[in-house]
Amino acid sequence: MRHWKATMEYHRTKDILHVMRVLGHKSIKNTMRYTQLVDLGEQDYVVKVSWKLEEAVKLLEGGFQYVCDYDNGKIFRKPK
């Protein structure tokens, strides 16, 4: 179960030091044993564009992440 938790936490954060703290390890070597650095494949996203501040706020409240600006709009994405 610790291998699964470590692998999923690393996949979610891409931060091996965070995983080390979550697992309570003092050595990164121990964390590396538990973390299976596997490619879990590309993830599909729902992508939205906001043209107004109110739209951007609603997207952020809905769990979307800001990606970049493009042609006076802001692009957001959220995993499917």
PDB file of N, CA and C in Angstrom:
ATOM      1  N   MET A   1       0.821  -1.193   0.000  1.00  0.00           N
ATOM      2  CA  MET A   1       0.000   0.000   0.000  1.00  0.00           C
ATOM      3  C   MET A   1       0.871   1.266   0.000  1.00  0.00           C
ATOM      4  N   ARG A   2       2.003   1.214   0.693  1.00  0.00           N
ATOM      5  CA  ARG A   2       2.896   2.377   0.722  1.00  0.00           C
ATOM      6  C   ARG A   2       3.482   2.657  -0.660  1.00  0.00           C
ATOM      7  N   HIS A   3       3.750   1.603  -1.429  1.00  0.00           N
ATOM      8  CA  HIS A   3       4.266   1.799  -2.788  1.00  0.00           C
ATOM      9  C   HIS A   3       3.231   2.543  -3.635  1.00  0.00           C
ATOM     10  N   TRP A   4       1.980   2.135  -3.524  1.00  0.00           N
ATOM     11  CA  TRP A   4       0.920   2.775  -4.304  1.00  0.00           C
ATOM     12  C   TRP A   4       0.773   4.242  -3.895  1.00  0.00           C
ATOM     13  N   LYS A   5       0.722   4.510  -2.590  1.00  0.00           N
ATOM     14  CA  LYS A   5       0.567   5.887  -2.094  1.00  0.00           C
ATOM     15  C   LYS A   5       1.731   6.749  -2.560  1.00  0.00           C
ATOM     16  N   ALA A   6       2.943   6.225  -2.430  1.00  0.00           N
ATOM     17  CA  ALA A   6       4.119   6.992  -2.845  1.00  0.00           C
ATOM     18  C   ALA A   6       4.091   7.275  -4.336  1.00  0.00           C
ATOM     19  N   THR A   7       3.740   6.276  -5.132  1.00  0.00           N
ATOM     20  CA  THR A   7       3.700   6.447  -6.585  1.00  0.00           C
ATOM     21  C   THR A   7       2.634   7.453  -6.985  1.00  0.00           C
ATOM     22  N   MET A   8       1.448   7.344  -6.415  1.00  0.00           N
ATOM     23  CA  MET A   8       0.359   8.261  -6.756  1.00  0.00           C
ATOM     24  C   MET A   8       0.669   9.689  -6.310  1.00  0.00           C
ATOM     25  N   GLU A   9       1.259   9.839  -5.134  1.00  0.00           N
ATOM     26  CA  GLU A   9       1.602  11.175  -4.631  1.00  0.00           C
ATOM     27  C   GLU A   9       2.679  11.813  -5.510  1.00  0.00           C
ATOM     28  N   TYR A  10       3.639  11.014  -5.956  1.00  0.00           N
ATOM     29  CA  TYR A  10       4.667  11.554  -6.847  1.00  0.00           C
ATOM     30  C   TYR A  10       4.053  11.943  -8.191  1.00  0.00           C
ATOM     31  N   HIS A  11       3.178  11.097  -8.719  1.00  0.00           N
ATOM     32  CA  HIS A  11       2.529  11.392  -9.998  1.00  0.00           C
ATOM     33  C   HIS A  11       1.707  12.683  -9.903  1.00  0.00           C
ATOM     34  N   ARG A  12       1.046  12.888  -8.756  1.00  0.00           N
ATOM     35  CA  ARG A  12       0.206  14.068  -8.562  1.00  0.00           C
ATOM     36  C   ARG A  12       1.034  15.341  -8.430  1.00  0.00           C
ATOM     37  N   THR A  13       2.146  15.293  -7.670  1.00  0.00           N
ATOM     38  CA  THR A  13       2.902  16.503  -7.346  1.00  0.00           C
ATOM     39  C   THR A  13       4.198  16.678  -8.124  1.00  0.00           C
ATOM     40  N   LYS A  14       4.751  15.596  -8.620  1.00  0.00           N
ATOM     41  CA  LYS A  14       6.072  15.604  -9.274  1.00  0.00           C
ATOM     42  C   LYS A  14       7.140  16.169  -8.333  1.00  0.00           C
ATOM     43  N   ASP A  15       6.977  15.957  -7.026  1.00  0.00           N
ATOM     44  CA  ASP A  15       7.882  16.491  -6.014  1.00  0.00           C
ATOM     45  C   ASP A  15       8.307  15.364  -5.083  1.00  0.00           C
ATOM     46  N   ILE A  16       9.499  14.817  -5.319  1.00  0.00           N
ATOM     47  CA  ILE A  16       9.971  13.665  -4.552  1.00  0.00           C
ATOM     48  C   ILE A  16      10.222  14.036  -3.082  1.00  0.00           C
ATOM     49  N   LEU A  17      10.591  15.292  -2.821  1.00  0.00           N
ATOM     50  CA  LEU A  17      10.806  15.712  -1.429  1.00  0.00           C
ATOM     51  C   LEU A  17       9.483  15.780  -0.667  1.00  0.00           C
ATOM     52  N   HIS A  18       8.422  16.172  -1.344  1.00  0.00           N
ATOM     53  CA  HIS A  18       7.087  16.155  -0.728  1.00  0.00           C
ATOM     54  C   HIS A  18       6.710  14.727  -0.363  1.00  0.00           C
ATOM     55  N   VAL A  19       6.952  13.795  -1.261  1.00  0.00           N
ATOM     56  CA  VAL A  19       6.629  12.383  -1.001  1.00  0.00           C
ATOM     57  C   VAL A  19       7.442  11.879   0.183  1.00  0.00           C
ATOM     58  N   MET A  20       8.700  12.275   0.258  1.00  0.00           N
ATOM     59  CA  MET A  20       9.554  11.876   1.372  1.00  0.00           C
ATOM     60  C   MET A  20       8.963  12.348   2.702  1.00  0.00           C
ATOM     61  N   ARG A  21       8.450  13.574   2.743  1.00  0.00           N
ATOM     62  CA  ARG A  21       7.843  14.097   3.971  1.00  0.00           C
ATOM     63  C   ARG A  21       6.534  13.369   4.286  1.00  0.00           C
ATOM     64  N   VAL A  22       5.718  13.089   3.246  1.00  0.00           N
ATOM     65  CA  VAL A  22       4.443  12.392   3.451  1.00  0.00           C
ATOM     66  C   VAL A  22       4.683  11.011   4.050  1.00  0.00           C
ATOM     67  N   LEU A  23       5.709  10.317   3.553  1.00  0.00           N
ATOM     68  CA  LEU A  23       6.000   8.971   4.043  1.00  0.00           C
ATOM     69  C   LEU A  23       6.775   8.981   5.357  1.00  0.00           C
ATOM     70  N   GLY A  24       7.292  10.137   5.750  1.00  0.00           N
ATOM     71  CA  GLY A  24       8.022  10.249   7.012  1.00  0.00           C
ATOM     72  C   GLY A  24       9.444   9.726   6.951  1.00  0.00           C
ATOM     73  N   HIS A  25      10.026   9.702   5.768  1.00  0.00           N
ATOM     74  CA  HIS A  25      11.392   9.202   5.617  1.00  0.00           C
ATOM     75  C   HIS A  25      12.407  10.286   5.946  1.00  0.00           C
ATOM     76  N   LYS A  26      13.543   9.852   6.486  1.00  0.00           N
ATOM     77  CA  LYS A  26      14.647  10.780   6.736  1.00  0.00           C
ATOM     78  C   LYS A  26      15.636  10.766   5.582  1.00  0.00           C
ATOM     79  N   SER A  27      15.593   9.697   4.785  1.00  0.00           N
ATOM     80  CA  SER A  27      16.525   9.545   3.675  1.00  0.00           C
ATOM     81  C   SER A  27      15.756   9.432   2.358  1.00  0.00           C
ATOM     82  N   ILE A  28      16.233  10.133   1.351  1.00  0.00           N
ATOM     83  CA  ILE A  28      15.613  10.064   0.034  1.00  0.00           C
ATOM     84  C   ILE A  28      15.756   8.666  -0.563  1.00  0.00           C
ATOM     85  N   LYS A  29      16.787   7.932  -0.147  1.00  0.00           N
ATOM     86  CA  LYS A  29      16.983   6.560  -0.649  1.00  0.00           C
ATOM     87  C   LYS A  29      15.793   5.673  -0.287  1.00  0.00           C
ATOM     88  N   ASN A  30      15.278   5.829   0.914  1.00  0.00           N
ATOM     89  CA  ASN A  30      14.107   5.039   1.315  1.00  0.00           C
ATOM     90  C   ASN A  30      12.893   5.414   0.467  1.00  0.00           C
ATOM     91  N   THR A  31      12.720   6.694   0.220  1.00  0.00           N
ATOM     92  CA  THR A  31      11.587   7.154  -0.584  1.00  0.00           C
ATOM     93  C   THR A  31      11.680   6.605  -2.003  1.00  0.00           C
ATOM     94  N   MET A  32      12.871   6.576  -2.561  1.00  0.00           N
ATOM     95  CA  MET A  32      13.062   6.062  -3.915  1.00  0.00           C
ATOM     96  C   MET A  32      12.691   4.584  -4.000  1.00  0.00           C
ATOM     97  N   ARG A  33      12.880   3.836  -2.918  1.00  0.00           N
ATOM     98  CA  ARG A  33      12.477   2.425  -2.908  1.00  0.00           C
ATOM     99  C   ARG A  33      10.963   2.285  -3.014  1.00  0.00           C
ATOM    100  N   TYR A  34      10.245   3.175  -2.373  1.00  0.00           N
ATOM    101  CA  TYR A  34       8.788   3.097  -2.352  1.00  0.00           C
ATOM    102  C   TYR A  34       8.131   3.739  -3.565  1.00  0.00           C
ATOM    103  N   THR A  35       8.810   4.679  -4.185  1.00  0.00           N
ATOM    104  CA  THR A  35       8.229   5.412  -5.304  1.00  0.00           C
ATOM    105  C   THR A  35       8.612   4.734  -6.600  1.00  0.00           C
ATOM    106  N   GLN A  36       7.631   4.244  -7.297  1.00  0.00           N
ATOM    107  CA  GLN A  36       7.856   3.636  -8.611  1.00  0.00           C
ATOM    108  C   GLN A  36       7.691   4.742  -9.639  1.00  0.00           C
ATOM    109  N   LEU A  37       8.782   5.235 -10.181  1.00  0.00           N
ATOM    110  CA  LEU A  37       8.724   6.339 -11.128  1.00  0.00           C
ATOM    111  C   LEU A  37       8.306   5.800 -12.495  1.00  0.00           C
ATOM    112  N   VAL A  38       7.015   5.584 -12.646  1.00  0.00           N
ATOM    113  CA  VAL A  38       6.477   5.015 -13.873  1.00  0.00           C
ATOM    114  C   VAL A  38       5.760   6.103 -14.655  1.00  0.00           C
ATOM    115  N   ASP A  39       5.714   5.909 -15.950  1.00  0.00           N
ATOM    116  CA  ASP A  39       4.959   6.815 -16.804  1.00  0.00           C
ATOM    117  C   ASP A  39       3.517   6.337 -16.806  1.00  0.00           C
ATOM    118  N   LEU A  40       2.628   7.112 -16.215  1.00  0.00           N
ATOM    119  CA  LEU A  40       1.237   6.729 -16.137  1.00  0.00           C
ATOM    120  C   LEU A  40       0.459   7.206 -17.359  1.00  0.00           C
ATOM    121  N   GLY A  41       1.168   7.618 -18.383  1.00  0.00           N
ATOM    122  CA  GLY A  41       0.526   8.013 -19.630  1.00  0.00           C
ATOM    123  C   GLY A  41       0.093   9.469 -19.621  1.00  0.00           C
ATOM    124  N   GLU A  42      -0.232   9.939 -20.799  1.00  0.00           N
ATOM    125  CA  GLU A  42      -0.714  11.302 -20.906  1.00  0.00           C
ATOM    126  C   GLU A  42      -2.129  11.397 -20.372  1.00  0.00           C
ATOM    127  N   GLN A  43      -2.443  12.539 -19.867  1.00  0.00           N
ATOM    128  CA  GLN A  43      -3.765  12.751 -19.296  1.00  0.00           C
ATOM    129  C   GLN A  43      -4.583  13.626 -20.234  1.00  0.00           C
ATOM    130  N   ASP A  44      -5.870  13.327 -20.339  1.00  0.00           N
ATOM    131  CA  ASP A  44      -6.770  14.147 -21.138  1.00  0.00           C
ATOM    132  C   ASP A  44      -7.288  15.302 -20.286  1.00  0.00           C
ATOM    133  N   TYR A  45      -7.487  16.455 -20.934  1.00  0.00           N
ATOM    134  CA  TYR A  45      -7.938  17.650 -20.228  1.00  0.00           C
ATOM    135  C   TYR A  45      -9.174  18.246 -20.881  1.00  0.00           C
ATOM    136  N   VAL A  46      -9.962  18.912 -20.079  1.00  0.00           N
ATOM    137  CA  VAL A  46     -11.016  19.797 -20.561  1.00  0.00           C
ATOM    138  C   VAL A  46     -10.373  21.177 -20.595  1.00  0.00           C
ATOM    139  N   VAL A  47     -10.466  21.866 -21.711  1.00  0.00           N
ATOM    140  CA  VAL A  47      -9.823  23.173 -21.865  1.00  0.00           C
ATOM    141  C   VAL A  47     -10.899  24.228 -22.084  1.00  0.00           C
ATOM    142  N   LYS A  48     -10.757  25.351 -21.373  1.00  0.00           N
ATOM    143  CA  LYS A  48     -11.699  26.473 -21.498  1.00  0.00           C
ATOM    144  C   LYS A  48     -10.906  27.767 -21.669  1.00  0.00           C
ATOM    145  N   VAL A  49     -11.536  28.740 -22.325  1.00  0.00           N
ATOM    146  CA  VAL A  49     -10.940  30.068 -22.490  1.00  0.00           C
ATOM    147  C   VAL A  49     -11.843  31.076 -21.798  1.00  0.00           C
ATOM    148  N   SER A  50     -11.227  31.971 -21.045  1.00  0.00           N
ATOM    149  CA  SER A  50     -11.987  33.029 -20.371  1.00  0.00           C
ATOM    150  C   SER A  50     -11.605  34.362 -20.990  1.00  0.00           C
ATOM    151  N   TRP A  51     -12.613  35.166 -21.259  1.00  0.00           N
ATOM    152  CA  TRP A  51     -12.392  36.493 -21.835  1.00  0.00           C
ATOM    153  C   TRP A  51     -12.643  37.584 -20.813  1.00  0.00           C
ATOM    154  N   LYS A  52     -13.292  37.240 -19.705  1.00  0.00           N
ATOM    155  CA  LYS A  52     -13.612  38.215 -18.659  1.00  0.00           C
ATOM    156  C   LYS A  52     -13.144  37.696 -17.311  1.00  0.00           C
ATOM    157  N   LEU A  53     -12.918  38.630 -16.403  1.00  0.00           N
ATOM    158  CA  LEU A  53     -12.467  38.279 -15.062  1.00  0.00           C
ATOM    159  C   LEU A  53     -13.451  37.346 -14.363  1.00  0.00           C
ATOM    160  N   GLU A  54     -14.715  37.595 -14.500  1.00  0.00           N
ATOM    161  CA  GLU A  54     -15.732  36.771 -13.838  1.00  0.00           C
ATOM    162  C   GLU A  54     -15.686  35.327 -14.335  1.00  0.00           C
ATOM    163  N   GLU A  55     -15.452  35.152 -15.644  1.00  0.00           N
ATOM    164  CA  GLU A  55     -15.340  33.806 -16.200  1.00  0.00           C
ATOM    165  C   GLU A  55     -14.121  33.094 -15.628  1.00  0.00           C
ATOM    166  N   ALA A  56     -13.006  33.811 -15.511  1.00  0.00           N
ATOM    167  CA  ALA A  56     -11.780  33.221 -14.969  1.00  0.00           C
ATOM    168  C   ALA A  56     -11.983  32.787 -13.520  1.00  0.00           C
ATOM    169  N   VAL A  57     -12.650  33.598 -12.742  1.00  0.00           N
ATOM    170  CA  VAL A  57     -12.913  33.268 -11.333  1.00  0.00           C
ATOM    171  C   VAL A  57     -13.752  32.001 -11.243  1.00  0.00           C
ATOM    172  N   LYS A  58     -14.797  31.896 -12.057  1.00  0.00           N
ATOM    173  CA  LYS A  58     -15.661  30.711 -12.038  1.00  0.00           C
ATOM    174  C   LYS A  58     -14.882  29.449 -12.430  1.00  0.00           C
ATOM    175  N   LEU A  59     -14.001  29.582 -13.415  1.00  0.00           N
ATOM    176  CA  LEU A  59     -13.202  28.430 -13.824  1.00  0.00           C
ATOM    177  C   LEU A  59     -12.262  27.980 -12.703  1.00  0.00           C
ATOM    178  N   LEU A  60     -11.616  28.943 -12.051  1.00  0.00           N
ATOM    179  CA  LEU A  60     -10.725  28.599 -10.941  1.00  0.00           C
ATOM    180  C   LEU A  60     -11.501  27.953  -9.800  1.00  0.00           C
ATOM    181  N   GLU A  61     -12.671  28.481  -9.499  1.00  0.00           N
ATOM    182  CA  GLU A  61     -13.504  27.891  -8.451  1.00  0.00           C
ATOM    183  C   GLU A  61     -13.980  26.494  -8.847  1.00  0.00           C
ATOM    184  N   GLY A  62     -14.074  26.227 -10.146  1.00  0.00           N
ATOM    185  CA  GLY A  62     -14.503  24.929 -10.642  1.00  0.00           C
ATOM    186  C   GLY A  62     -13.374  23.921 -10.766  1.00  0.00           C
ATOM    187  N   GLY A  63     -12.178  24.273 -10.299  1.00  0.00           N
ATOM    188  CA  GLY A  63     -11.070  23.324 -10.297  1.00  0.00           C
ATOM    189  C   GLY A  63     -10.152  23.399 -11.502  1.00  0.00           C
ATOM    190  N   PHE A  64     -10.349  24.396 -12.359  1.00  0.00           N
ATOM    191  CA  PHE A  64      -9.480  24.554 -13.519  1.00  0.00           C
ATOM    192  C   PHE A  64      -8.171  25.212 -13.094  1.00  0.00           C
ATOM    193  N   GLN A  65      -7.099  24.909 -13.834  1.00  0.00           N
ATOM    194  CA  GLN A  65      -5.790  25.517 -13.612  1.00  0.00           C
ATOM    195  C   GLN A  65      -5.506  26.500 -14.737  1.00  0.00           C
ATOM    196  N   TYR A  66      -4.930  27.645 -14.388  1.00  0.00           N
ATOM    197  CA  TYR A  66      -4.514  28.621 -15.394  1.00  0.00           C
ATOM    198  C   TYR A  66      -3.319  28.045 -16.162  1.00  0.00           C
ATOM    199  N   VAL A  67      -3.341  28.176 -17.498  1.00  0.00           N
ATOM    200  CA  VAL A  67      -2.242  27.675 -18.319  1.00  0.00           C
ATOM    201  C   VAL A  67      -1.435  28.825 -18.897  1.00  0.00           C
ATOM    202  N   CYS A  68      -2.107  29.724 -19.653  1.00  0.00           N
ATOM    203  CA  CYS A  68      -1.386  30.838 -20.268  1.00  0.00           C
ATOM    204  C   CYS A  68      -2.378  31.840 -20.854  1.00  0.00           C
ATOM    205  N   ASP A  69      -1.840  32.971 -21.310  1.00  0.00           N
ATOM    206  CA  ASP A  69      -2.633  33.967 -22.031  1.00  0.00           C
ATOM    207  C   ASP A  69      -2.503  33.692 -23.519  1.00  0.00           C
ATOM    208  N   TYR A  70      -3.589  33.957 -24.255  1.00  0.00           N
ATOM    209  CA  TYR A  70      -3.548  33.811 -25.705  1.00  0.00           C
ATOM    210  C   TYR A  70      -4.589  34.735 -26.322  1.00  0.00           C
ATOM    211  N   ASP A  71      -4.145  35.624 -27.171  1.00  0.00           N
ATOM    212  CA  ASP A  71      -5.042  36.506 -27.923  1.00  0.00           C
ATOM    213  C   ASP A  71      -6.080  37.186 -27.021  1.00  0.00           C
ATOM    214  N   ASN A  72      -5.606  37.832 -25.954  1.00  0.00           N
ATOM    215  CA  ASN A  72      -6.439  38.566 -24.991  1.00  0.00           C
ATOM    216  C   ASN A  72      -7.356  37.679 -24.149  1.00  0.00           C
ATOM    217  N   GLY A  73      -7.194  36.384 -24.228  1.00  0.00           N
ATOM    218  CA  GLY A  73      -7.955  35.464 -23.383  1.00  0.00           C
ATOM    219  C   GLY A  73      -7.015  34.697 -22.477  1.00  0.00           C
ATOM    220  N   LYS A  74      -7.566  34.040 -21.497  1.00  0.00           N
ATOM    221  CA  LYS A  74      -6.785  33.217 -20.581  1.00  0.00           C
ATOM    222  C   LYS A  74      -7.233  31.775 -20.766  1.00  0.00           C
ATOM    223  N   ILE A  75      -6.272  30.884 -20.899  1.00  0.00           N
ATOM    224  CA  ILE A  75      -6.574  29.475 -21.125  1.00  0.00           C
ATOM    225  C   ILE A  75      -6.442  28.719 -19.808  1.00  0.00           C
ATOM    226  N   PHE A  76      -7.435  27.869 -19.535  1.00  0.00           N
ATOM    227  CA  PHE A  76      -7.471  27.056 -18.323  1.00  0.00           C
ATOM    228  C   PHE A  76      -7.670  25.596 -18.722  1.00  0.00           C
ATOM    229  N   ARG A  77      -7.230  24.688 -17.844  1.00  0.00           N
ATOM    230  CA  ARG A  77      -7.461  23.269 -18.104  1.00  0.00           C
ATOM    231  C   ARG A  77      -7.757  22.539 -16.803  1.00  0.00           C
ATOM    232  N   LYS A  78      -8.426  21.388 -16.953  1.00  0.00           N
ATOM    233  CA  LYS A  78      -8.762  20.530 -15.812  1.00  0.00           C
ATOM    234  C   LYS A  78      -8.742  19.097 -16.326  1.00  0.00           C
ATOM    235  N   PRO A  79      -8.134  18.170 -15.578  1.00  0.00           N
ATOM    236  CA  PRO A  79      -8.142  16.774 -16.007  1.00  0.00           C
ATOM    237  C   PRO A  79      -9.570  16.251 -16.137  1.00  0.00           C
ATOM    238  N   LYS A  80      -9.796  15.391 -17.159  1.00  0.00           N
ATOM    239  CA  LYS A  80     -11.119  14.788 -17.355  1.00  0.00           C
ATOM    240  C   LYS A  80     -11.409  13.786 -16.263  1.00  0.00           C
TER     241      LYS A  80
END
